[in-house]
C-alpha atoms as a PDB file:
ATOM      1  CA  UNK A   1     -79.532  52.306 -58.621  1.00  0.00           C
ATOM      2  CA  UNK A   2     -76.192  53.548 -59.873  1.00  0.00           C
ATOM      3  CA  UNK A   3     -77.494  56.964 -60.834  1.00  0.00           C
ATOM      4  CA  UNK A   4     -78.347  57.645 -57.215  1.00  0.00           C
ATOM      5  CA  UNK A   5     -75.026  56.501 -55.811  1.00  0.00           C
ATOM      6  CA  UNK A   6     -73.292  58.615 -58.449  1.00  0.00           C
ATOM      7  CA  UNK A   7     -75.464  61.663 -57.766  1.00  0.00           C
ATOM      8  CA  UNK A   8     -73.211  62.679 -54.884  1.00  0.00           C
ATOM      9  CA  UNK A   9     -70.148  62.802 -57.135  1.00  0.00           C
ATOM     10  CA  UNK A  10     -71.728  65.044 -59.759  1.00  0.00           C
ATOM     11  CA  UNK A  11     -71.173  68.785 -59.818  1.00  0.00           C
ATOM     12  CA  UNK A  12     -74.251  70.780 -58.718  1.00  0.00           C
ATOM     13  CA  UNK A  13     -75.303  71.735 -62.264  1.00  0.00           C
ATOM     14  CA  UNK A  14     -75.282  68.125 -63.406  1.00  0.00           C
ATOM     15  CA  UNK A  15     -77.035  67.013 -60.221  1.00  0.00           C
ATOM     16  CA  UNK A  16     -79.712  69.617 -60.940  1.00  0.00           C
ATOM     17  CA  UNK A  17     -80.078  68.341 -64.503  1.00  0.00           C
ATOM     18  CA  UNK A  18     -80.616  64.789 -63.237  1.00  0.00           C
ATOM     19  CA  UNK A  19     -83.264  65.955 -60.771  1.00  0.00           C
ATOM     20  CA  UNK A  20     -85.012  68.028 -63.430  1.00  0.00           C
ATOM     21  CA  UNK A  21     -84.998  65.043 -65.799  1.00  0.00           C
ATOM     22  CA  UNK A  22     -86.557  62.913 -63.067  1.00  0.00           C
ATOM     23  CA  UNK A  23     -89.226  65.589 -62.636  1.00  0.00           C
ATOM     24  CA  UNK A  24     -89.957  65.508 -66.360  1.00  0.00           C
ATOM     25  CA  UNK A  25     -90.083  61.713 -66.377  1.00  0.00           C
ATOM     26  CA  UNK A  26     -92.506  61.778 -63.440  1.00  0.00           C
ATOM     27  CA  UNK A  27     -94.770  64.180 -65.332  1.00  0.00           C
ATOM     28  CA  UNK A  28     -94.599  62.071 -68.493  1.00  0.00           C
ATOM     29  CA  UNK A  29     -95.317  58.903 -66.542  1.00  0.00           C
ATOM     30  CA  UNK A  30     -98.190  60.646 -64.750  1.00  0.00           C
ATOM     31  CA  UNK A  31     -99.784  61.256 -68.141  1.00  0.00           C
ATOM     32  CA  UNK A  32     -99.439  57.552 -68.939  1.00  0.00           C
ATOM     33  CA  UNK A  33    -100.938  56.682 -65.558  1.00  0.00           C
ATOM     34  CA  UNK A  34    -103.933  58.881 -66.317  1.00  0.00           C
ATOM     35  CA  UNK A  35    -104.444  57.143 -69.645  1.00  0.00           C
ATOM     36  CA  UNK A  36    -104.361  53.775 -67.848  1.00  0.00           C
ATOM     37  CA  UNK A  37    -106.905  54.806 -65.206  1.00  0.00           C
ATOM     38  CA  UNK A  38    -104.348  55.051 -62.390  1.00  0.00           C
ATOM     39  CA  UNK A  39    -105.743  58.273 -60.926  1.00  0.00           C
ATOM     40  CA  UNK A  40    -104.059  58.048 -57.513  1.00  0.00           C
ATOM     41  CA  UNK A  41    -100.650  57.210 -58.937  1.00  0.00           C
ATOM     42  CA  UNK A  42    -101.079  59.923 -61.563  1.00  0.00           C
ATOM     43  CA  UNK A  43    -101.848  62.515 -58.882  1.00  0.00           C
ATOM     44  CA  UNK A  44     -98.852  61.551 -56.760  1.00  0.00           C
ATOM     45  CA  UNK A  45     -96.416  61.480 -59.688  1.00  0.00           C
ATOM     46  CA  UNK A  46     -97.665  64.772 -61.086  1.00  0.00           C
ATOM     47  CA  UNK A  47     -97.442  66.452 -57.663  1.00  0.00           C
ATOM     48  CA  UNK A  48     -93.981  65.102 -56.905  1.00  0.00           C
ATOM     49  CA  UNK A  49     -92.779  66.000 -60.404  1.00  0.00           C
ATOM     50  CA  UNK A  50     -93.969  69.590 -60.085  1.00  0.00           C
ATOM     51  CA  UNK A  51     -92.479  69.946 -56.604  1.00  0.00           C
ATOM     52  CA  UNK A  52     -89.181  68.421 -57.700  1.00  0.00           C
ATOM     53  CA  UNK A  53     -88.948  70.763 -60.664  1.00  0.00           C
ATOM     54  CA  UNK A  54     -89.419  73.722 -58.294  1.00  0.00           C
ATOM     55  CA  UNK A  55     -86.731  72.662 -55.797  1.00  0.00           C
ATOM     56  CA  UNK A  56     -84.197  70.905 -58.050  1.00  0.00           C
ATOM     57  CA  UNK A  57     -81.724  73.796 -57.995  1.00  0.00           C
ATOM     58  CA  UNK A  58     -81.787  74.085 -54.207  1.00  0.00           C
ATOM     59  CA  UNK A  59     -81.584  70.333 -53.653  1.00  0.00           C
ATOM     60  CA  UNK A  60     -78.667  70.053 -56.049  1.00  0.00           C
ATOM     61  CA  UNK A  61     -76.600  72.580 -54.146  1.00  0.00           C
ATOM     62  CA  UNK A  62     -77.803  72.577 -50.530  1.00  0.00           C
ATOM     63  CA  UNK A  63     -78.572  68.986 -49.507  1.00  0.00           C
ATOM     64  CA  UNK A  64     -77.062  66.176 -51.556  1.00  0.00           C
ATOM     65  CA  UNK A  65     -78.281  63.462 -49.165  1.00  0.00           C
ATOM     66  CA  UNK A  66     -81.860  64.692 -49.472  1.00  0.00           C
ATOM     67  CA  UNK A  67     -81.415  64.941 -53.249  1.00  0.00           C
ATOM     68  CA  UNK A  68     -80.404  61.266 -53.313  1.00  0.00           C
ATOM     69  CA  UNK A  69     -83.418  60.301 -51.203  1.00  0.00           C
ATOM     70  CA  UNK A  70     -85.779  62.255 -53.446  1.00  0.00           C
ATOM     71  CA  UNK A  71     -84.245  60.645 -56.540  1.00  0.00           C
ATOM     72  CA  UNK A  72     -84.757  57.162 -55.094  1.00  0.00           C
ATOM     73  CA  UNK A  73     -88.378  57.924 -54.246  1.00  0.00           C
ATOM     74  CA  UNK A  74     -89.046  59.450 -57.673  1.00  0.00           C
ATOM     75  CA  UNK A  75     -87.610  56.397 -59.397  1.00  0.00           C
ATOM     76  CA  UNK A  76     -89.672  54.159 -57.130  1.00  0.00           C
ATOM     77  CA  UNK A  77     -92.857  55.878 -58.299  1.00  0.00           C
ATOM     78  CA  UNK A  78     -91.840  55.451 -61.930  1.00  0.00           C
ATOM     79  CA  UNK A  79     -90.929  51.799 -61.407  1.00  0.00           C
ATOM     80  CA  UNK A  80     -94.196  51.160 -59.561  1.00  0.00           C
ATOM     81  CA  UNK A  81     -96.163  52.370 -62.546  1.00  0.00           C
ATOM     82  CA  UNK A  82     -94.141  50.313 -65.017  1.00  0.00           C
ATOM     83  CA  UNK A  83     -94.397  47.221 -62.807  1.00  0.00           C
ATOM     84  CA  UNK A  84     -98.182  47.574 -62.971  1.00  0.00           C
ATOM     85  CA  UNK A  85     -98.119  48.259 -66.713  1.00  0.00           C
ATOM     86  CA  UNK A  86     -95.124  46.413 -68.187  1.00  0.00           C
ATOM     87  CA  UNK A  87     -96.646  46.596 -71.654  1.00  0.00           C
ATOM     88  CA  UNK A  88     -95.854  50.320 -71.781  1.00  0.00           C
ATOM     89  CA  UNK A  89     -92.381  51.433 -72.713  1.00  0.00           C
ATOM     90  CA  UNK A  90     -90.349  53.175 -70.017  1.00  0.00           C
ATOM     91  CA  UNK A  91     -88.835  55.571 -72.524  1.00  0.00           C
ATOM     92  CA  UNK A  92     -88.113  56.263 -76.161  1.00  0.00           C
ATOM     93  CA  UNK A  93     -86.690  53.469 -78.254  1.00  0.00           C
ATOM     94  CA  UNK A  94     -83.831  54.146 -80.627  1.00  0.00           C
ATOM     95  CA  UNK A  95     -84.011  52.431 -83.995  1.00  0.00           C
END
């Protein structure tokens, strides 16, 4: 997970942007989980996404190690969903 190992080297504003993007991706993936009947996974992803959005600024500046751990766990949730539902795209496709 290169993004996580590189998170430490980013300036705080960019680190915050990465964490906020992860929060958005969690929320988007939670909506997909709901549409696929994955209620428990949807609840966890939605909750973590909302919490991450709330604390992204603090994590980005105060505790980089915790920010890395949170990023790994957020990506694990996203990957878990896509491993269960590989037929769904992980993100937008450019044509």
